Amino acid sequence: MLRRGRQWDFPKGHLERGERPEDSAIREVREEAGVEVRILQPIGSTRYGFGKPADAVHRKRVYWFLAESDANAFRLEPTFSKAAVLNREEAARVLTHEADRELAERAFDAAGIPRTVESTLT
């Protein structure tokens, strides 16, 4: 997950012309976190609106994937201050939005990660 200001979030972005959602996910993680990933499986999508008024200006659909990487370091875009691999408890604690916490739970379940993992975030 990536931190921008006080908010932790998942890497995400936009589809470029002719790009498949899987390719976009790989590209966005590379651009935002400097990490190469391999897609394992889709874990859903979300839709939301933003702008002023809050739900009327821009509408966006984000496709989410479970992915893996052998990387052990991040190269962040300047808009992010930190990156971390978080366990279930850490993700539930730091994610701002309920939809993101639910997405994290789906990802942990899909990966077969148990709910009793020790904290590694300092």
PDB file of N, CA and C in Angstrom:
ATOM      1  N   MET A   1       0.838  -1.172   0.000  1.00  0.00           N
ATOM      2  CA  MET A   1       0.000   0.000   0.000  1.00  0.00           C
ATOM      3  C   MET A   1       0.883   1.235   0.000  1.00  0.00           C
ATOM      4  N   LEU A   2       0.314   2.334  -0.456  1.00  0.00           N
ATOM      5  CA  LEU A   2       1.056   3.581  -0.595  1.00  0.00           C
ATOM      6  C   LEU A   2       0.444   4.658   0.292  1.00  0.00           C
ATOM      7  N   ARG A   3       1.311   5.507   0.827  1.00  0.00           N
ATOM      8  CA  ARG A   3       0.834   6.608   1.668  1.00  0.00           C
ATOM      9  C   ARG A   3       1.044   7.936   0.951  1.00  0.00           C
ATOM     10  N   ARG A   4      -0.040   8.715   0.903  1.00  0.00           N
ATOM     11  CA  ARG A   4      -0.007  10.059   0.345  1.00  0.00           C
ATOM     12  C   ARG A   4      -0.607  10.962   1.419  1.00  0.00           C
ATOM     13  N   GLY A   5       0.190  11.872   1.932  1.00  0.00           N
ATOM     14  CA  GLY A   5      -0.282  12.689   3.048  1.00  0.00           C
ATOM     15  C   GLY A   5      -0.518  11.801   4.253  1.00  0.00           C
ATOM     16  N   ARG A   6      -1.727  11.848   4.796  1.00  0.00           N
ATOM     17  CA  ARG A   6      -2.067  11.017   5.944  1.00  0.00           C
ATOM     18  C   ARG A   6      -2.848   9.768   5.551  1.00  0.00           C
ATOM     19  N   GLN A   7      -3.087   9.582   4.272  1.00  0.00           N
ATOM     20  CA  GLN A   7      -3.949   8.503   3.801  1.00  0.00           C
ATOM     21  C   GLN A   7      -3.156   7.368   3.155  1.00  0.00           C
ATOM     22  N   TRP A   8      -3.457   6.132   3.546  1.00  0.00           N
ATOM     23  CA  TRP A   8      -2.920   4.932   2.905  1.00  0.00           C
ATOM     24  C   TRP A   8      -3.925   4.476   1.856  1.00  0.00           C
ATOM     25  N   ASP A   9      -3.420   3.996   0.728  1.00  0.00           N
ATOM     26  CA  ASP A   9      -4.279   3.590  -0.363  1.00  0.00           C
ATOM     27  C   ASP A   9      -3.592   2.506  -1.178  1.00  0.00           C
ATOM     28  N   PHE A  10      -4.338   1.905  -2.077  1.00  0.00           N
ATOM     29  CA  PHE A  10      -3.788   0.937  -3.020  1.00  0.00           C
ATOM     30  C   PHE A  10      -3.298   1.666  -4.267  1.00  0.00           C
ATOM     31  N   PRO A  11      -2.280   1.141  -4.945  1.00  0.00           N
ATOM     32  CA  PRO A  11      -1.921   1.719  -6.238  1.00  0.00           C
ATOM     33  C   PRO A  11      -3.116   1.609  -7.186  1.00  0.00           C
ATOM     34  N   LYS A  12      -3.376   2.672  -7.909  1.00  0.00           N
ATOM     35  CA  LYS A  12      -4.459   2.640  -8.905  1.00  0.00           C
ATOM     36  C   LYS A  12      -4.256   3.800  -9.872  1.00  0.00           C
ATOM     37  N   GLY A  13      -4.942   3.719 -10.962  1.00  0.00           N
ATOM     38  CA  GLY A  13      -4.795   4.774 -11.953  1.00  0.00           C
ATOM     39  C   GLY A  13      -5.891   4.694 -12.985  1.00  0.00           C
ATOM     40  N   HIS A  14      -5.509   4.726 -14.239  1.00  0.00           N
ATOM     41  CA  HIS A  14      -6.475   4.781 -15.327  1.00  0.00           C
ATOM     42  C   HIS A  14      -6.057   3.829 -16.446  1.00  0.00           C
ATOM     43  N   LEU A  15      -7.030   3.442 -17.224  1.00  0.00           N
ATOM     44  CA  LEU A  15      -6.755   2.640 -18.417  1.00  0.00           C
ATOM     45  C   LEU A  15      -6.315   3.562 -19.539  1.00  0.00           C
ATOM     46  N   GLU A  16      -5.223   3.219 -20.170  1.00  0.00           N
ATOM     47  CA  GLU A  16      -4.820   3.945 -21.362  1.00  0.00           C
ATOM     48  C   GLU A  16      -5.505   3.308 -22.566  1.00  0.00           C
ATOM     49  N   ARG A  17      -5.603   4.038 -23.638  1.00  0.00           N
ATOM     50  CA  ARG A  17      -6.301   3.574 -24.845  1.00  0.00           C
ATOM     51  C   ARG A  17      -5.783   2.193 -25.264  1.00  0.00           C
ATOM     52  N   GLY A  18      -6.717   1.246 -25.417  1.00  0.00           N
ATOM     53  CA  GLY A  18      -6.379  -0.096 -25.859  1.00  0.00           C
ATOM     54  C   GLY A  18      -5.793  -0.993 -24.784  1.00  0.00           C
ATOM     55  N   GLU A  19      -5.710  -0.521 -23.574  1.00  0.00           N
ATOM     56  CA  GLU A  19      -5.072  -1.273 -22.498  1.00  0.00           C
ATOM     57  C   GLU A  19      -6.101  -2.137 -21.761  1.00  0.00           C
ATOM     58  N   ARG A  20      -5.721  -3.359 -21.445  1.00  0.00           N
ATOM     59  CA  ARG A  20      -6.567  -4.231 -20.636  1.00  0.00           C
ATOM     60  C   ARG A  20      -6.405  -3.850 -19.161  1.00  0.00           C
ATOM     61  N   PRO A  21      -7.418  -4.081 -18.333  1.00  0.00           N
ATOM     62  CA  PRO A  21      -7.293  -3.754 -16.909  1.00  0.00           C
ATOM     63  C   PRO A  21      -6.069  -4.402 -16.240  1.00  0.00           C
ATOM     64  N   GLU A  22      -5.757  -5.640 -16.606  1.00  0.00           N
ATOM     65  CA  GLU A  22      -4.591  -6.311 -16.021  1.00  0.00           C
ATOM     66  C   GLU A  22      -3.299  -5.573 -16.363  1.00  0.00           C
ATOM     67  N   ASP A  23      -3.180  -5.147 -17.622  1.00  0.00           N
ATOM     68  CA  ASP A  23      -1.985  -4.418 -18.049  1.00  0.00           C
ATOM     69  C   ASP A  23      -1.889  -3.068 -17.350  1.00  0.00           C
ATOM     70  N   SER A  24      -3.032  -2.421 -17.175  1.00  0.00           N
ATOM     71  CA  SER A  24      -3.060  -1.146 -16.465  1.00  0.00           C
ATOM     72  C   SER A  24      -2.601  -1.318 -15.023  1.00  0.00           C
ATOM     73  N   ALA A  25      -3.064  -2.370 -14.367  1.00  0.00           N
ATOM     74  CA  ALA A  25      -2.676  -2.618 -12.976  1.00  0.00           C
ATOM     75  C   ALA A  25      -1.164  -2.806 -12.858  1.00  0.00           C
ATOM     76  N   ILE A  26      -0.593  -3.594 -13.742  1.00  0.00           N
ATOM     77  CA  ILE A  26       0.858  -3.823 -13.723  1.00  0.00           C
ATOM     78  C   ILE A  26       1.600  -2.509 -13.951  1.00  0.00           C
ATOM     79  N   ARG A  27       1.157  -1.735 -14.930  1.00  0.00           N
ATOM     80  CA  ARG A  27       1.805  -0.455 -15.246  1.00  0.00           C
ATOM     81  C   ARG A  27       1.698   0.525 -14.082  1.00  0.00           C
ATOM     82  N   GLU A  28       0.509   0.638 -13.488  1.00  0.00           N
ATOM     83  CA  GLU A  28       0.310   1.600 -12.407  1.00  0.00           C
ATOM     84  C   GLU A  28       1.150   1.255 -11.178  1.00  0.00           C
ATOM     85  N   VAL A  29       1.253  -0.024 -10.826  1.00  0.00           N
ATOM     86  CA  VAL A  29       2.092  -0.410  -9.695  1.00  0.00           C
ATOM     87  C   VAL A  29       3.557  -0.078 -10.008  1.00  0.00           C
ATOM     88  N   ARG A  30       3.978  -0.338 -11.234  1.00  0.00           N
ATOM     89  CA  ARG A  30       5.346  -0.010 -11.632  1.00  0.00           C
ATOM     90  C   ARG A  30       5.591   1.498 -11.537  1.00  0.00           C
ATOM     91  N   GLU A  31       4.645   2.305 -12.056  1.00  0.00           N
ATOM     92  CA  GLU A  31       4.818   3.763 -12.047  1.00  0.00           C
ATOM     93  C   GLU A  31       4.763   4.348 -10.641  1.00  0.00           C
ATOM     94  N   GLU A  32       3.814   3.896  -9.822  1.00  0.00           N
ATOM     95  CA  GLU A  32       3.605   4.508  -8.511  1.00  0.00           C
ATOM     96  C   GLU A  32       4.553   3.980  -7.442  1.00  0.00           C
ATOM     97  N   ALA A  33       4.882   2.676  -7.500  1.00  0.00           N
ATOM     98  CA  ALA A  33       5.693   2.078  -6.433  1.00  0.00           C
ATOM     99  C   ALA A  33       7.049   1.579  -6.911  1.00  0.00           C
ATOM    100  N   GLY A  34       7.267   1.560  -8.221  1.00  0.00           N
ATOM    101  CA  GLY A  34       8.545   1.085  -8.740  1.00  0.00           C
ATOM    102  C   GLY A  34       8.735  -0.409  -8.572  1.00  0.00           C
ATOM    103  N   VAL A  35       7.636  -1.158  -8.581  1.00  0.00           N
ATOM    104  CA  VAL A  35       7.676  -2.601  -8.344  1.00  0.00           C
ATOM    105  C   VAL A  35       7.046  -3.329  -9.528  1.00  0.00           C
ATOM    106  N   GLU A  36       7.686  -4.398  -9.968  1.00  0.00           N
ATOM    107  CA  GLU A  36       7.117  -5.267 -10.999  1.00  0.00           C
ATOM    108  C   GLU A  36       6.279  -6.332 -10.306  1.00  0.00           C
ATOM    109  N   VAL A  37       5.053  -6.537 -10.792  1.00  0.00           N
ATOM    110  CA  VAL A  37       4.167  -7.537 -10.209  1.00  0.00           C
ATOM    111  C   VAL A  37       3.665  -8.498 -11.273  1.00  0.00           C
ATOM    112  N   ARG A  38       3.195  -9.648 -10.808  1.00  0.00           N
ATOM    113  CA  ARG A  38       2.521 -10.640 -11.640  1.00  0.00           C
ATOM    114  C   ARG A  38       1.093 -10.771 -11.117  1.00  0.00           C
ATOM    115  N   ILE A  39       0.135 -10.649 -12.014  1.00  0.00           N
ATOM    116  CA  ILE A  39      -1.268 -10.774 -11.645  1.00  0.00           C
ATOM    117  C   ILE A  39      -1.574 -12.250 -11.363  1.00  0.00           C
ATOM    118  N   LEU A  40      -2.224 -12.494 -10.230  1.00  0.00           N
ATOM    119  CA  LEU A  40      -2.646 -13.848  -9.874  1.00  0.00           C
ATOM    120  C   LEU A  40      -4.118 -14.079 -10.200  1.00  0.00           C
ATOM    121  N   GLN A  41      -4.968 -13.105  -9.833  1.00  0.00           N
ATOM    122  CA  GLN A  41      -6.394 -13.251 -10.112  1.00  0.00           C
ATOM    123  C   GLN A  41      -7.108 -11.931  -9.880  1.00  0.00           C
ATOM    124  N   PRO A  42      -8.239 -11.733 -10.546  1.00  0.00           N
ATOM    125  CA  PRO A  42      -9.045 -10.541 -10.268  1.00  0.00           C
ATOM    126  C   PRO A  42      -9.729 -10.692  -8.904  1.00  0.00           C
ATOM    127  N   ILE A  43      -9.947  -9.562  -8.222  1.00  0.00           N
ATOM    128  CA  ILE A  43     -10.668  -9.606  -6.942  1.00  0.00           C
ATOM    129  C   ILE A  43     -11.827  -8.620  -6.915  1.00  0.00           C
ATOM    130  N   GLY A  44     -12.223  -8.118  -8.084  1.00  0.00           N
ATOM    131  CA  GLY A  44     -13.408  -7.277  -8.153  1.00  0.00           C
ATOM    132  C   GLY A  44     -13.139  -5.915  -8.759  1.00  0.00           C
ATOM    133  N   SER A  45     -14.162  -5.080  -8.697  1.00  0.00           N
ATOM    134  CA  SER A  45     -14.036  -3.712  -9.176  1.00  0.00           C
ATOM    135  C   SER A  45     -14.885  -2.815  -8.298  1.00  0.00           C
ATOM    136  N   THR A  46     -14.576  -1.546  -8.318  1.00  0.00           N
ATOM    137  CA  THR A  46     -15.364  -0.547  -7.591  1.00  0.00           C
ATOM    138  C   THR A  46     -15.642   0.611  -8.523  1.00  0.00           C
ATOM    139  N   ARG A  47     -16.732   1.312  -8.256  1.00  0.00           N
ATOM    140  CA  ARG A  47     -17.099   2.519  -9.010  1.00  0.00           C
ATOM    141  C   ARG A  47     -17.313   3.636  -8.013  1.00  0.00           C
ATOM    142  N   TYR A  48     -16.899   4.817  -8.399  1.00  0.00           N
ATOM    143  CA  TYR A  48     -17.154   5.973  -7.554  1.00  0.00           C
ATOM    144  C   TYR A  48     -17.124   7.240  -8.380  1.00  0.00           C
ATOM    145  N   GLY A  49     -17.679   8.301  -7.798  1.00  0.00           N
ATOM    146  CA  GLY A  49     -17.659   9.603  -8.426  1.00  0.00           C
ATOM    147  C   GLY A  49     -16.855  10.562  -7.575  1.00  0.00           C
ATOM    148  N   PHE A  50     -16.271  11.555  -8.214  1.00  0.00           N
ATOM    149  CA  PHE A  50     -15.535  12.570  -7.464  1.00  0.00           C
ATOM    150  C   PHE A  50     -15.590  13.885  -8.215  1.00  0.00           C
ATOM    151  N   GLY A  51     -15.291  14.936  -7.532  1.00  0.00           N
ATOM    152  CA  GLY A  51     -15.364  16.276  -8.096  1.00  0.00           C
ATOM    153  C   GLY A  51     -16.421  17.082  -7.375  1.00  0.00           C
ATOM    154  N   LYS A  52     -16.792  18.208  -7.925  1.00  0.00           N
ATOM    155  CA  LYS A  52     -17.791  19.073  -7.298  1.00  0.00           C
ATOM    156  C   LYS A  52     -18.933  19.286  -8.262  1.00  0.00           C
ATOM    157  N   PRO A  53     -20.184  18.982  -7.935  1.00  0.00           N
ATOM    158  CA  PRO A  53     -20.567  18.298  -6.699  1.00  0.00           C
ATOM    159  C   PRO A  53     -19.960  16.903  -6.628  1.00  0.00           C
ATOM    160  N   ALA A  54     -19.851  16.395  -5.428  1.00  0.00           N
ATOM    161  CA  ALA A  54     -19.036  15.212  -5.129  1.00  0.00           C
ATOM    162  C   ALA A  54     -19.285  14.007  -6.026  1.00  0.00           C
ATOM    163  N   ASP A  55     -20.491  13.798  -6.487  1.00  0.00           N
ATOM    164  CA  ASP A  55     -20.729  12.583  -7.270  1.00  0.00           C
ATOM    165  C   ASP A  55     -21.104  12.854  -8.720  1.00  0.00           C
ATOM    166  N   ALA A  56     -20.921  14.058  -9.205  1.00  0.00           N
ATOM    167  CA  ALA A  56     -21.458  14.388 -10.524  1.00  0.00           C
ATOM    168  C   ALA A  56     -20.418  14.619 -11.610  1.00  0.00           C
ATOM    169  N   VAL A  57     -19.231  15.027 -11.277  1.00  0.00           N
ATOM    170  CA  VAL A  57     -18.298  15.472 -12.303  1.00  0.00           C
ATOM    171  C   VAL A  57     -17.588  14.314 -12.995  1.00  0.00           C
ATOM    172  N   HIS A  58     -16.903  13.485 -12.247  1.00  0.00           N
ATOM    173  CA  HIS A  58     -16.125  12.388 -12.824  1.00  0.00           C
ATOM    174  C   HIS A  58     -16.597  11.067 -12.233  1.00  0.00           C
ATOM    175  N   ARG A  59     -16.734  10.099 -13.102  1.00  0.00           N
ATOM    176  CA  ARG A  59     -17.065   8.751 -12.639  1.00  0.00           C
ATOM    177  C   ARG A  59     -15.904   7.850 -13.023  1.00  0.00           C
ATOM    178  N   LYS A  60     -15.560   6.943 -12.114  1.00  0.00           N
ATOM    179  CA  LYS A  60     -14.404   6.092 -12.340  1.00  0.00           C
ATOM    180  C   LYS A  60     -14.726   4.667 -11.908  1.00  0.00           C
ATOM    181  N   ARG A  61     -14.246   3.707 -12.692  1.00  0.00           N
ATOM    182  CA  ARG A  61     -14.331   2.303 -12.316  1.00  0.00           C
ATOM    183  C   ARG A  61     -12.912   1.802 -12.179  1.00  0.00           C
ATOM    184  N   VAL A  62     -12.635   1.158 -11.056  1.00  0.00           N
ATOM    185  CA  VAL A  62     -11.300   0.632 -10.781  1.00  0.00           C
ATOM    186  C   VAL A  62     -11.401  -0.885 -10.703  1.00  0.00           C
ATOM    187  N   TYR A  63     -10.550  -1.575 -11.462  1.00  0.00           N
ATOM    188  CA  TYR A  63     -10.467  -3.029 -11.437  1.00  0.00           C
ATOM    189  C   TYR A  63      -9.335  -3.414 -10.507  1.00  0.00           C
ATOM    190  N   TRP A  64      -9.582  -4.366  -9.629  1.00  0.00           N
ATOM    191  CA  TRP A  64      -8.608  -4.764  -8.612  1.00  0.00           C
ATOM    192  C   TRP A  64      -8.121  -6.187  -8.868  1.00  0.00           C
ATOM    193  N   PHE A  65      -6.833  -6.404  -8.606  1.00  0.00           N
ATOM    194  CA  PHE A  65      -6.217  -7.704  -8.835  1.00  0.00           C
ATOM    195  C   PHE A  65      -5.336  -8.086  -7.662  1.00  0.00           C
ATOM    196  N   LEU A  66      -5.309  -9.380  -7.370  1.00  0.00           N
ATOM    197  CA  LEU A  66      -4.334  -9.931  -6.453  1.00  0.00           C
ATOM    198  C   LEU A  66      -3.078 -10.145  -7.271  1.00  0.00           C
ATOM    199  N   ALA A  67      -1.958  -9.669  -6.776  1.00  0.00           N
ATOM    200  CA  ALA A  67      -0.701  -9.775  -7.513  1.00  0.00           C
ATOM    201  C   ALA A  67       0.410 -10.159  -6.546  1.00  0.00           C
ATOM    202  N   GLU A  68       1.509 -10.621  -7.100  1.00  0.00           N
ATOM    203  CA  GLU A  68       2.675 -10.952  -6.292  1.00  0.00           C
ATOM    204  C   GLU A  68       3.912 -10.321  -6.911  1.00  0.00           C
ATOM    205  N   SER A  69       4.952 -10.213  -6.083  1.00  0.00           N
ATOM    206  CA  SER A  69       6.204  -9.627  -6.543  1.00  0.00           C
ATOM    207  C   SER A  69       7.357 -10.197  -5.739  1.00  0.00           C
ATOM    208  N   ASP A  70       8.524 -10.245  -6.366  1.00  0.00           N
ATOM    209  CA  ASP A  70       9.746 -10.635  -5.667  1.00  0.00           C
ATOM    210  C   ASP A  70      10.516  -9.412  -5.177  1.00  0.00           C
ATOM    211  N   ALA A  71       9.977  -8.234  -5.415  1.00  0.00           N
ATOM    212  CA  ALA A  71      10.673  -6.992  -5.058  1.00  0.00           C
ATOM    213  C   ALA A  71      10.831  -6.879  -3.550  1.00  0.00           C
ATOM    214  N   ASN A  72      11.921  -6.268  -3.127  1.00  0.00           N
ATOM    215  CA  ASN A  72      12.134  -6.029  -1.700  1.00  0.00           C
ATOM    216  C   ASN A  72      12.391  -4.558  -1.402  1.00  0.00           C
ATOM    217  N   ALA A  73      12.150  -3.694  -2.386  1.00  0.00           N
ATOM    218  CA  ALA A  73      12.308  -2.256  -2.191  1.00  0.00           C
ATOM    219  C   ALA A  73      11.348  -1.524  -3.129  1.00  0.00           C
ATOM    220  N   PHE A  74      10.979  -0.317  -2.740  1.00  0.00           N
ATOM    221  CA  PHE A  74      10.069   0.512  -3.522  1.00  0.00           C
ATOM    222  C   PHE A  74      10.819   1.718  -4.082  1.00  0.00           C
ATOM    223  N   ARG A  75      10.383   2.204  -5.256  1.00  0.00           N
ATOM    224  CA  ARG A  75      10.838   3.466  -5.843  1.00  0.00           C
ATOM    225  C   ARG A  75       9.567   4.279  -6.076  1.00  0.00           C
ATOM    226  N   LEU A  76       9.241   5.116  -5.123  1.00  0.00           N
ATOM    227  CA  LEU A  76       7.953   5.808  -5.125  1.00  0.00           C
ATOM    228  C   LEU A  76       7.925   7.017  -6.040  1.00  0.00           C
ATOM    229  N   GLU A  77       6.734   7.249  -6.637  1.00  0.00           N
ATOM    230  CA  GLU A  77       6.482   8.524  -7.295  1.00  0.00           C
ATOM    231  C   GLU A  77       6.564   9.610  -6.228  1.00  0.00           C
ATOM    232  N   PRO A  78       6.932  10.822  -6.603  1.00  0.00           N
ATOM    233  CA  PRO A  78       7.065  11.902  -5.611  1.00  0.00           C
ATOM    234  C   PRO A  78       5.792  12.223  -4.829  1.00  0.00           C
ATOM    235  N   THR A  79       4.613  11.864  -5.355  1.00  0.00           N
ATOM    236  CA  THR A  79       3.375  12.173  -4.637  1.00  0.00           C
ATOM    237  C   THR A  79       3.150  11.271  -3.434  1.00  0.00           C
ATOM    238  N   PHE A  80       3.932  10.198  -3.314  1.00  0.00           N
ATOM    239  CA  PHE A  80       3.786   9.268  -2.185  1.00  0.00           C
ATOM    240  C   PHE A  80       4.956   9.426  -1.224  1.00  0.00           C
ATOM    241  N   SER A  81       4.667   9.302   0.068  1.00  0.00           N
ATOM    242  CA  SER A  81       5.710   9.461   1.086  1.00  0.00           C
ATOM    243  C   SER A  81       6.214   8.141   1.626  1.00  0.00           C
ATOM    244  N   LYS A  82       5.435   7.065   1.452  1.00  0.00           N
ATOM    245  CA  LYS A  82       5.835   5.794   2.032  1.00  0.00           C
ATOM    246  C   LYS A  82       5.094   4.667   1.324  1.00  0.00           C
ATOM    247  N   ALA A  83       5.692   3.480   1.339  1.00  0.00           N
ATOM    248  CA  ALA A  83       5.044   2.266   0.853  1.00  0.00           C
ATOM    249  C   ALA A  83       5.307   1.173   1.869  1.00  0.00           C
ATOM    250  N   ALA A  84       4.374   0.252   1.998  1.00  0.00           N
ATOM    251  CA  ALA A  84       4.541  -0.841   2.951  1.00  0.00           C
ATOM    252  C   ALA A  84       3.688  -2.023   2.536  1.00  0.00           C
ATOM    253  N   VAL A  85       4.143  -3.188   2.927  1.00  0.00           N
ATOM    254  CA  VAL A  85       3.344  -4.399   2.812  1.00  0.00           C
ATOM    255  C   VAL A  85       2.698  -4.574   4.174  1.00  0.00           C
ATOM    256  N   LEU A  86       1.375  -4.531   4.201  1.00  0.00           N
ATOM    257  CA  LEU A  86       0.639  -4.554   5.463  1.00  0.00           C
ATOM    258  C   LEU A  86      -0.097  -5.874   5.648  1.00  0.00           C
ATOM    259  N   ASN A  87      -0.211  -6.314   6.900  1.00  0.00           N
ATOM    260  CA  ASN A  87      -1.029  -7.491   7.186  1.00  0.00           C
ATOM    261  C   ASN A  87      -2.474  -7.047   7.403  1.00  0.00           C
ATOM    262  N   ARG A  88      -3.356  -7.999   7.681  1.00  0.00           N
ATOM    263  CA  ARG A  88      -4.790  -7.704   7.834  1.00  0.00           C
ATOM    264  C   ARG A  88      -5.053  -6.642   8.884  1.00  0.00           C
ATOM    265  N   GLU A  89      -4.462  -6.805  10.040  1.00  0.00           N
ATOM    266  CA  GLU A  89      -4.732  -5.894  11.144  1.00  0.00           C
ATOM    267  C   GLU A  89      -4.235  -4.480  10.835  1.00  0.00           C
ATOM    268  N   GLU A  90      -3.055  -4.382  10.237  1.00  0.00           N
ATOM    269  CA  GLU A  90      -2.510  -3.076   9.873  1.00  0.00           C
ATOM    270  C   GLU A  90      -3.376  -2.403   8.818  1.00  0.00           C
ATOM    271  N   ALA A  91      -3.778  -3.165   7.803  1.00  0.00           N
ATOM    272  CA  ALA A  91      -4.624  -2.603   6.737  1.00  0.00           C
ATOM    273  C   ALA A  91      -5.939  -2.106   7.321  1.00  0.00           C
ATOM    274  N   ALA A  92      -6.551  -2.890   8.176  1.00  0.00           N
ATOM    275  CA  ALA A  92      -7.823  -2.479   8.791  1.00  0.00           C
ATOM    276  C   ALA A  92      -7.651  -1.211   9.616  1.00  0.00           C
ATOM    277  N   ARG A  93      -6.496  -1.056  10.228  1.00  0.00           N
ATOM    278  CA  ARG A  93      -6.237   0.103  11.079  1.00  0.00           C
ATOM    279  C   ARG A  93      -5.936   1.367  10.274  1.00  0.00           C
ATOM    280  N   VAL A  94      -5.195   1.257   9.170  1.00  0.00           N
ATOM    281  CA  VAL A  94      -4.724   2.470   8.489  1.00  0.00           C
ATOM    282  C   VAL A  94      -5.556   2.894   7.288  1.00  0.00           C
ATOM    283  N   LEU A  95      -6.290   1.977   6.657  1.00  0.00           N
ATOM    284  CA  LEU A  95      -7.074   2.360   5.482  1.00  0.00           C
ATOM    285  C   LEU A  95      -8.213   3.289   5.877  1.00  0.00           C
ATOM    286  N   THR A  96      -8.367   4.365   5.137  1.00  0.00           N
ATOM    287  CA  THR A  96      -9.341   5.411   5.459  1.00  0.00           C
ATOM    288  C   THR A  96     -10.766   4.993   5.157  1.00  0.00           C
ATOM    289  N   HIS A  97     -10.982   4.335   4.031  1.00  0.00           N
ATOM    290  CA  HIS A  97     -12.328   4.063   3.559  1.00  0.00           C
ATOM    291  C   HIS A  97     -12.738   2.615   3.803  1.00  0.00           C
ATOM    292  N   GLU A  98     -13.984   2.430   4.201  1.00  0.00           N
ATOM    293  CA  GLU A  98     -14.518   1.086   4.452  1.00  0.00           C
ATOM    294  C   GLU A  98     -14.408   0.214   3.206  1.00  0.00           C
ATOM    295  N   ALA A  99     -14.674   0.772   2.031  1.00  0.00           N
ATOM    296  CA  ALA A  99     -14.570  -0.014   0.790  1.00  0.00           C
ATOM    297  C   ALA A  99     -13.149  -0.545   0.597  1.00  0.00           C
ATOM    298  N   ASP A 100     -12.137   0.233   0.977  1.00  0.00           N
ATOM    299  CA  ASP A 100     -10.750  -0.226   0.873  1.00  0.00           C
ATOM    300  C   ASP A 100     -10.452  -1.322   1.885  1.00  0.00           C
ATOM    301  N   ARG A 101     -11.003  -1.205   3.083  1.00  0.00           N
ATOM    302  CA  ARG A 101     -10.808  -2.264   4.078  1.00  0.00           C
ATOM    303  C   ARG A 101     -11.444  -3.573   3.606  1.00  0.00           C
ATOM    304  N   GLU A 102     -12.633  -3.484   3.000  1.00  0.00           N
ATOM    305  CA  GLU A 102     -13.294  -4.674   2.462  1.00  0.00           C
ATOM    306  C   GLU A 102     -12.488  -5.269   1.309  1.00  0.00           C
ATOM    307  N   LEU A 103     -11.942  -4.424   0.456  1.00  0.00           N
ATOM    308  CA  LEU A 103     -11.103  -4.887  -0.646  1.00  0.00           C
ATOM    309  C   LEU A 103      -9.869  -5.610  -0.105  1.00  0.00           C
ATOM    310  N   ALA A 104      -9.241  -5.050   0.907  1.00  0.00           N
ATOM    311  CA  ALA A 104      -8.071  -5.691   1.513  1.00  0.00           C
ATOM    312  C   ALA A 104      -8.439  -7.066   2.060  1.00  0.00           C
ATOM    313  N   GLU A 105      -9.588  -7.177   2.711  1.00  0.00           N
ATOM    314  CA  GLU A 105     -10.034  -8.474   3.235  1.00  0.00           C
ATOM    315  C   GLU A 105     -10.225  -9.483   2.109  1.00  0.00           C
ATOM    316  N   ARG A 106     -10.823  -9.049   0.997  1.00  0.00           N
ATOM    317  CA  ARG A 106     -10.994  -9.953  -0.156  1.00  0.00           C
ATOM    318  C   ARG A 106      -9.639 -10.424  -0.676  1.00  0.00           C
ATOM    319  N   ALA A 107      -8.677  -9.509  -0.726  1.00  0.00           N
ATOM    320  CA  ALA A 107      -7.341  -9.870  -1.214  1.00  0.00           C
ATOM    321  C   ALA A 107      -6.669 -10.862  -0.271  1.00  0.00           C
ATOM    322  N   PHE A 108      -6.734 -10.616   1.028  1.00  0.00           N
ATOM    323  CA  PHE A 108      -6.136 -11.544   1.992  1.00  0.00           C
ATOM    324  C   PHE A 108      -6.802 -12.913   1.911  1.00  0.00           C
ATOM    325  N   ASP A 109      -8.123 -12.946   1.791  1.00  0.00           N
ATOM    326  CA  ASP A 109      -8.842 -14.215   1.663  1.00  0.00           C
ATOM    327  C   ASP A 109      -8.420 -14.942   0.391  1.00  0.00           C
ATOM    328  N   ALA A 110      -8.363 -14.221  -0.726  1.00  0.00           N
ATOM    329  CA  ALA A 110      -7.988 -14.830  -2.010  1.00  0.00           C
ATOM    330  C   ALA A 110      -6.567 -15.389  -1.961  1.00  0.00           C
ATOM    331  N   ALA A 111      -5.693 -14.733  -1.205  1.00  0.00           N
ATOM    332  CA  ALA A 111      -4.307 -15.181  -1.086  1.00  0.00           C
ATOM    333  C   ALA A 111      -4.152 -16.305  -0.071  1.00  0.00           C
ATOM    334  N   GLY A 112      -5.227 -16.603   0.673  1.00  0.00           N
ATOM    335  CA  GLY A 112      -5.152 -17.654   1.686  1.00  0.00           C
ATOM    336  C   GLY A 112      -4.347 -17.250   2.909  1.00  0.00           C
ATOM    337  N   ILE A 113      -4.274 -15.953   3.171  1.00  0.00           N
ATOM    338  CA  ILE A 113      -3.502 -15.456   4.314  1.00  0.00           C
ATOM    339  C   ILE A 113      -4.380 -15.497   5.558  1.00  0.00           C
ATOM    340  N   PRO A 114      -3.911 -16.159   6.613  1.00  0.00           N
ATOM    341  CA  PRO A 114      -4.718 -16.280   7.837  1.00  0.00           C
ATOM    342  C   PRO A 114      -4.891 -14.941   8.540  1.00  0.00           C
ATOM    343  N   ARG A 115      -5.868 -14.885   9.402  1.00  0.00           N
ATOM    344  CA  ARG A 115      -6.189 -13.658  10.133  1.00  0.00           C
ATOM    345  C   ARG A 115      -5.273 -13.404  11.317  1.00  0.00           C
ATOM    346  N   THR A 116      -4.391 -14.309  11.644  1.00  0.00           N
ATOM    347  CA  THR A 116      -3.524 -14.164  12.821  1.00  0.00           C
ATOM    348  C   THR A 116      -2.062 -14.006  12.409  1.00  0.00           C
ATOM    349  N   VAL A 117      -1.777 -12.936  11.665  1.00  0.00           N
ATOM    350  CA  VAL A 117      -0.418 -12.650  11.214  1.00  0.00           C
ATOM    351  C   VAL A 117       0.171 -11.585  12.123  1.00  0.00           C
ATOM    352  N   GLU A 118       1.430 -11.746  12.531  1.00  0.00           N
ATOM    353  CA  GLU A 118       2.084 -10.777  13.391  1.00  0.00           C
ATOM    354  C   GLU A 118       2.325  -9.463  12.649  1.00  0.00           C
ATOM    355  N   SER A 119       2.264  -8.351  13.370  1.00  0.00           N
ATOM    356  CA  SER A 119       2.489  -7.029  12.799  1.00  0.00           C
ATOM    357  C   SER A 119       3.958  -6.851  12.420  1.00  0.00           C
ATOM    358  N   THR A 120       4.191  -6.246  11.241  1.00  0.00           N
ATOM    359  CA  THR A 120       5.550  -5.951  10.790  1.00  0.00           C
ATOM    360  C   THR A 120       5.763  -4.462  10.560  1.00  0.00           C
ATOM    361  N   LEU A 121       4.728  -3.653  10.647  1.00  0.00           N
ATOM    362  CA  LEU A 121       4.820  -2.223  10.389  1.00  0.00           C
ATOM    363  C   LEU A 121       5.294  -1.513  11.654  1.00  0.00           C
ATOM    364  N   THR A 122       6.347  -0.718  11.523  1.00  0.00           N
ATOM    365  CA  THR A 122       6.842   0.032  12.688  1.00  0.00           C
ATOM    366  C   THR A 122       6.633   1.502  12.503  1.00  0.00           C
TER     367      THR A 122
END
